[in-house]
Amino acid sequence: ELRRIAPSGPYHLLGWCGGSQITTEMVRRLHAAGEEATFLLLDPALDTYERENMHEFVRRFERAEAAFAELAEAARSGDAQERVDELRQRAGDLLNGILDDGEVAPPEPGDDFWPGRIRVWRELLQTRLAYRHTPYEGRLHLLAGDDVAAGEHEVAEGVSFEDFTARWRELATGGLTVHRVGGNHLGV
């Protein structure tokens, strides 16, 4: 799609978080085709498939999707308010188990905000779990926010910043430049 719009480079591509695999693969393919591309990744996900907790996140998303579907069905079929309230609380608890942004109020029946987002997050995570990074011969500019550098965000959870950047250095065989960016993952 990119080459249909812009048939030749130079290209400047930025990937962020879970979308970094898509950008990584695009840049790798452009480079292999002889195109010039500036490659920047902001708080990129790396080697997700190796982390068991990511598989648990998929299961959490699946449980939340099922809870939202059950809530919608209960509301549609006219179940007792007590049952609907119980399902609202369950869906809210599952949602709060996924989010790390504080408490979210239990969803209302027919809520279309959260179910769509949960589905997209699950699909993105499943894509991340399936992707295997391969070496890229070009140069990578890695931008890292404070929580990634501290190993406190899921893209680097449980991995020291030194190991995180060392792994990217292995993959970016044309060189790696690390840029620390102040702020958390959503605020950089």
Foldseek 3Di string as FASTA:
>chain_A
DVCVVVVADAEEDEAEALRLLVQLVVQQVCVVVVGHYAAEYELYAAPLLVDPVLVVLLVLLVVLLVLLVVLLVCVVVVHDPVVNVVSLVVSQVSVCVNDPPDGDHRDDHVDPVPNVVSVVVSVSSVVSSPDHQAAGAAEYEYEYEDCCQVLNDPSRNPHHNVRVVVVVCVRHVRYYHYHYDYDDSVPD
